[in-house]
N, C-alpha and C. Protein backbone atom coordinates (compact mmCIF):
# COMPACT_ATOMS: atom_id res chain seq x y z
N MET A 1 -227.88 -35.50 133.48
CA MET A 1 -227.49 -37.03 133.24
C MET A 1 -225.85 -36.84 133.40
N PHE A 2 -225.28 -38.04 134.14
CA PHE A 2 -224.11 -37.88 134.46
C PHE A 2 -223.22 -38.53 133.33
N ASN A 3 -222.16 -37.59 132.84
CA ASN A 3 -221.20 -37.88 131.71
C ASN A 3 -220.02 -38.52 132.28
N ILE A 4 -219.67 -39.81 131.99
CA ILE A 4 -218.48 -40.69 132.47
C ILE A 4 -217.56 -40.00 132.05
N SER A 5 -217.23 -39.64 130.90
CA SER A 5 -215.82 -38.89 130.28
C SER A 5 -215.47 -37.56 130.95
N THR A 6 -216.37 -37.10 131.62
CA THR A 6 -216.00 -35.87 132.32
C THR A 6 -215.54 -36.19 133.54
N TYR A 7 -216.11 -37.37 134.13
CA TYR A 7 -215.50 -37.90 135.28
C TYR A 7 -213.96 -38.34 135.19
N LEU A 8 -213.94 -39.28 134.27
CA LEU A 8 -212.68 -39.83 133.80
C LEU A 8 -211.59 -38.70 133.67
N LYS A 9 -211.97 -37.66 133.02
CA LYS A 9 -210.94 -36.61 133.02
C LYS A 9 -210.06 -35.95 134.30
N LYS A 10 -211.44 -35.70 135.08
CA LYS A 10 -210.91 -35.45 136.42
C LYS A 10 -210.22 -36.20 137.27
N ILE A 11 -210.24 -37.43 136.98
CA ILE A 11 -209.40 -38.55 137.62
C ILE A 11 -207.89 -38.45 137.02
N THR A 12 -207.90 -38.18 135.60
CA THR A 12 -206.65 -38.46 135.02
C THR A 12 -205.95 -37.32 135.46
N LYS A 13 -206.44 -36.07 135.35
CA LYS A 13 -205.97 -34.94 135.79
C LYS A 13 -205.26 -34.98 137.17
N THR A 14 -206.01 -35.58 138.05
CA THR A 14 -205.40 -35.81 139.51
C THR A 14 -204.35 -36.83 139.38
N ILE A 15 -204.16 -37.86 138.80
CA ILE A 15 -203.42 -38.82 138.81
C ILE A 15 -202.30 -38.17 138.07
N ASP A 16 -202.13 -37.45 137.14
CA ASP A 16 -201.09 -36.75 136.27
C ASP A 16 -200.24 -35.75 137.28
N GLY A 17 -201.19 -35.04 138.07
CA GLY A 17 -200.63 -33.88 138.91
C GLY A 17 -199.94 -34.59 139.94
N ASN A 18 -200.34 -35.50 140.67
CA ASN A 18 -199.62 -36.31 141.93
C ASN A 18 -198.27 -36.88 141.11
N THR A 19 -198.06 -37.21 139.88
CA THR A 19 -197.09 -37.90 139.18
C THR A 19 -196.10 -36.85 139.24
N LEU A 20 -196.46 -35.61 138.59
CA LEU A 20 -195.43 -34.50 138.32
C LEU A 20 -194.89 -34.11 139.85
N VAL A 21 -195.86 -33.89 140.84
CA VAL A 21 -195.52 -33.53 142.51
C VAL A 21 -194.41 -34.60 142.58
N MET A 22 -194.71 -35.89 142.53
CA MET A 22 -193.81 -36.83 143.03
C MET A 22 -192.49 -36.78 142.15
N GLY A 23 -192.45 -36.81 141.07
CA GLY A 23 -191.24 -36.53 140.37
C GLY A 23 -190.26 -35.40 140.79
N ASP A 24 -191.09 -34.37 141.00
CA ASP A 24 -190.28 -32.81 141.68
C ASP A 24 -189.86 -33.42 143.09
N VAL A 25 -190.46 -34.02 144.01
CA VAL A 25 -190.29 -34.32 145.17
C VAL A 25 -188.98 -35.27 145.12
N THR A 26 -188.84 -36.31 144.34
CA THR A 26 -187.71 -37.15 144.14
C THR A 26 -186.40 -36.16 143.74
N SER A 27 -186.78 -35.62 142.52
CA SER A 27 -185.52 -34.67 142.29
C SER A 27 -184.92 -33.66 143.25
N VAL A 28 -185.91 -32.86 144.19
CA VAL A 28 -185.47 -32.17 145.25
C VAL A 28 -184.58 -33.22 146.35
N ILE A 29 -185.09 -34.17 146.52
CA ILE A 29 -184.37 -35.16 147.47
C ILE A 29 -183.30 -35.88 146.88
N GLN A 30 -183.05 -35.87 145.48
CA GLN A 30 -181.65 -36.18 144.97
C GLN A 30 -180.72 -35.02 145.21
N LYS A 31 -181.52 -33.83 144.83
CA LYS A 31 -180.45 -32.75 144.59
C LYS A 31 -179.95 -32.55 146.16
N HIS A 32 -180.38 -32.84 147.26
CA HIS A 32 -180.05 -32.43 148.66
C HIS A 32 -179.25 -33.37 149.21
N THR A 33 -179.42 -34.81 148.93
CA THR A 33 -179.06 -35.77 149.46
C THR A 33 -178.32 -37.21 148.82
N SER A 34 -178.44 -36.85 147.46
CA SER A 34 -177.75 -37.86 146.43
C SER A 34 -178.38 -39.06 146.48
N ILE A 35 -179.56 -39.28 147.24
CA ILE A 35 -180.23 -40.60 146.98
C ILE A 35 -181.35 -40.34 146.10
N THR A 36 -181.53 -41.50 145.42
CA THR A 36 -182.37 -41.91 144.20
C THR A 36 -183.67 -42.53 144.69
N ILE A 37 -184.84 -42.33 144.91
CA ILE A 37 -185.86 -42.91 145.15
C ILE A 37 -187.00 -42.90 144.07
N PRO A 38 -187.32 -44.34 143.65
CA PRO A 38 -188.10 -44.34 142.64
C PRO A 38 -189.83 -43.98 143.14
N LEU A 39 -190.44 -43.56 141.92
CA LEU A 39 -191.81 -42.86 141.98
C LEU A 39 -192.71 -43.94 143.01
N ASN A 40 -192.51 -45.16 142.77
CA ASN A 40 -193.28 -46.16 143.45
C ASN A 40 -193.13 -46.26 144.89
N LYS A 41 -192.13 -45.26 145.64
CA LYS A 41 -191.84 -45.67 146.90
C LYS A 41 -192.06 -44.24 147.60
N ILE A 42 -192.86 -43.16 146.94
CA ILE A 42 -193.39 -42.20 147.33
C ILE A 42 -194.99 -41.99 147.25
N GLU A 43 -195.62 -41.49 148.26
CA GLU A 43 -197.15 -41.64 148.10
C GLU A 43 -197.46 -40.02 149.00
N ILE A 44 -198.37 -39.59 148.36
CA ILE A 44 -198.76 -38.00 148.93
C ILE A 44 -200.18 -37.93 149.12
N LYS A 45 -200.27 -38.03 150.52
CA LYS A 45 -201.74 -38.08 150.93
C LYS A 45 -201.92 -36.53 151.81
N ASN A 46 -202.91 -35.85 151.47
CA ASN A 46 -203.47 -34.75 152.30
C ASN A 46 -202.26 -33.84 152.30
N ASN A 47 -201.53 -33.38 151.29
CA ASN A 47 -200.33 -32.99 151.22
C ASN A 47 -198.99 -33.27 152.49
N ILE A 48 -199.07 -34.36 152.46
CA ILE A 48 -197.70 -35.01 153.42
C ILE A 48 -197.18 -36.09 152.63
N VAL A 49 -196.08 -35.99 152.23
CA VAL A 49 -195.11 -37.12 151.51
C VAL A 49 -194.79 -38.06 152.24
N TYR A 50 -195.07 -39.19 152.05
CA TYR A 50 -194.80 -40.49 152.77
C TYR A 50 -193.72 -41.31 151.96
N ILE A 51 -192.61 -41.67 152.42
CA ILE A 51 -191.42 -42.39 151.68
C ILE A 51 -191.32 -43.57 152.24
N ASN A 52 -191.36 -44.66 151.32
CA ASN A 52 -191.17 -46.18 152.01
C ASN A 52 -189.71 -46.62 151.41
N THR A 53 -188.69 -46.28 152.06
CA THR A 53 -187.38 -46.74 151.60
C THR A 53 -186.57 -47.06 152.86
N SER A 54 -185.35 -47.58 152.83
CA SER A 54 -184.61 -47.93 153.97
C SER A 54 -184.32 -46.73 155.13
N VAL A 55 -184.14 -47.25 156.41
CA VAL A 55 -183.85 -46.25 157.47
C VAL A 55 -182.70 -45.49 157.09
N PHE A 56 -181.71 -45.83 156.79
CA PHE A 56 -180.51 -45.01 156.14
C PHE A 56 -180.82 -43.88 155.25
N ALA A 57 -181.73 -44.28 154.41
CA ALA A 57 -182.18 -43.06 153.28
C ALA A 57 -183.23 -42.07 154.19
N LYS A 58 -184.09 -42.62 154.79
CA LYS A 58 -184.80 -41.70 155.73
C LYS A 58 -184.30 -40.96 156.44
N ASN A 59 -183.04 -41.41 157.35
CA ASN A 59 -182.37 -40.50 158.26
C ASN A 59 -181.59 -39.40 157.32
N ARG A 60 -181.17 -39.81 156.02
CA ARG A 60 -180.43 -38.63 155.59
C ARG A 60 -181.48 -37.69 155.05
N ILE A 61 -182.82 -38.12 154.51
CA ILE A 61 -183.92 -37.08 154.18
C ILE A 61 -184.10 -36.49 155.37
N PHE A 62 -184.40 -37.00 156.44
CA PHE A 62 -184.95 -35.96 157.61
C PHE A 62 -183.84 -35.19 158.13
N LEU A 63 -182.57 -35.16 157.82
CA LEU A 63 -181.36 -34.39 158.34
C LEU A 63 -181.67 -33.00 157.45
N VAL A 64 -182.36 -33.14 156.37
CA VAL A 64 -182.33 -31.80 155.61
C VAL A 64 -183.93 -31.61 155.15
N LYS A 65 -184.50 -32.28 156.16
CA LYS A 65 -186.16 -32.15 156.03
C LYS A 65 -186.95 -30.58 155.92
N ASN A 66 -186.15 -29.69 156.69
CA ASN A 66 -186.57 -28.30 156.52
C ASN A 66 -186.29 -27.88 155.30
N THR A 67 -185.19 -27.77 154.42
CA THR A 67 -184.82 -27.40 153.29
C THR A 67 -185.58 -27.90 152.34
N LEU A 68 -185.95 -29.26 152.25
CA LEU A 68 -186.77 -29.71 151.28
C LEU A 68 -188.25 -29.25 151.28
N LEU A 69 -188.61 -28.95 152.71
CA LEU A 69 -190.00 -28.44 152.65
C LEU A 69 -189.87 -27.10 152.35
N GLU A 70 -189.16 -26.29 152.26
CA GLU A 70 -188.99 -24.84 151.95
C GLU A 70 -188.91 -24.82 150.43
N GLU A 71 -188.26 -25.70 149.91
CA GLU A 71 -188.20 -25.86 148.22
C GLU A 71 -189.35 -26.40 147.85
N LEU A 72 -190.34 -27.37 148.45
CA LEU A 72 -191.29 -27.95 148.16
C LEU A 72 -192.50 -27.04 148.30
N LYS A 73 -192.39 -25.92 148.90
CA LYS A 73 -193.47 -25.07 149.61
C LYS A 73 -194.38 -24.79 148.35
N GLY A 74 -194.18 -24.51 147.24
CA GLY A 74 -195.06 -24.22 146.10
C GLY A 74 -195.98 -25.22 145.85
N TYR A 75 -195.64 -26.61 146.26
CA TYR A 75 -196.83 -27.66 146.14
C TYR A 75 -197.51 -27.91 147.19
N SER A 76 -197.67 -26.79 148.32
CA SER A 76 -198.28 -27.20 149.58
C SER A 76 -197.99 -28.30 150.43
N ILE A 77 -196.68 -28.66 150.28
CA ILE A 77 -196.36 -29.83 150.84
C ILE A 77 -196.02 -29.33 152.52
N VAL A 78 -196.66 -30.06 153.57
CA VAL A 78 -196.47 -29.60 154.96
C VAL A 78 -195.77 -30.66 155.64
N ASP A 79 -195.60 -31.90 155.27
CA ASP A 79 -194.67 -32.52 156.11
C ASP A 79 -194.05 -33.90 155.14
N ILE A 80 -192.82 -34.34 155.71
CA ILE A 80 -192.33 -35.48 154.91
C ILE A 80 -192.30 -36.60 155.98
N ARG A 81 -192.78 -37.66 155.63
CA ARG A 81 -192.88 -38.71 156.69
C ARG A 81 -192.19 -40.06 156.23
C-alpha cells in the first residue's frame, strides 16, 4: 500500500536540497560579482541555473561564468543561463 508520509518526505528533501544549492549559488555569485540575487530569482532545472534578473547583472555574471561553474562543480551545475 502507498504511504503518503514517505512520499512527502521525499518531496521535502528535494525542495530543501534545491534551496541549499540556490543559497550557495547566490553566495558564490555575490563573492565574485558583488551582486546580490534573491532566491526567488534563481531556478535550477536539470543541473542548469536560470537567473531572472536585470541585463546588467546577467552580463556581470556571464563575465565570470567559468569561475562560477568551477566553484559550483561540487553541485553538478553544468551551465548558467
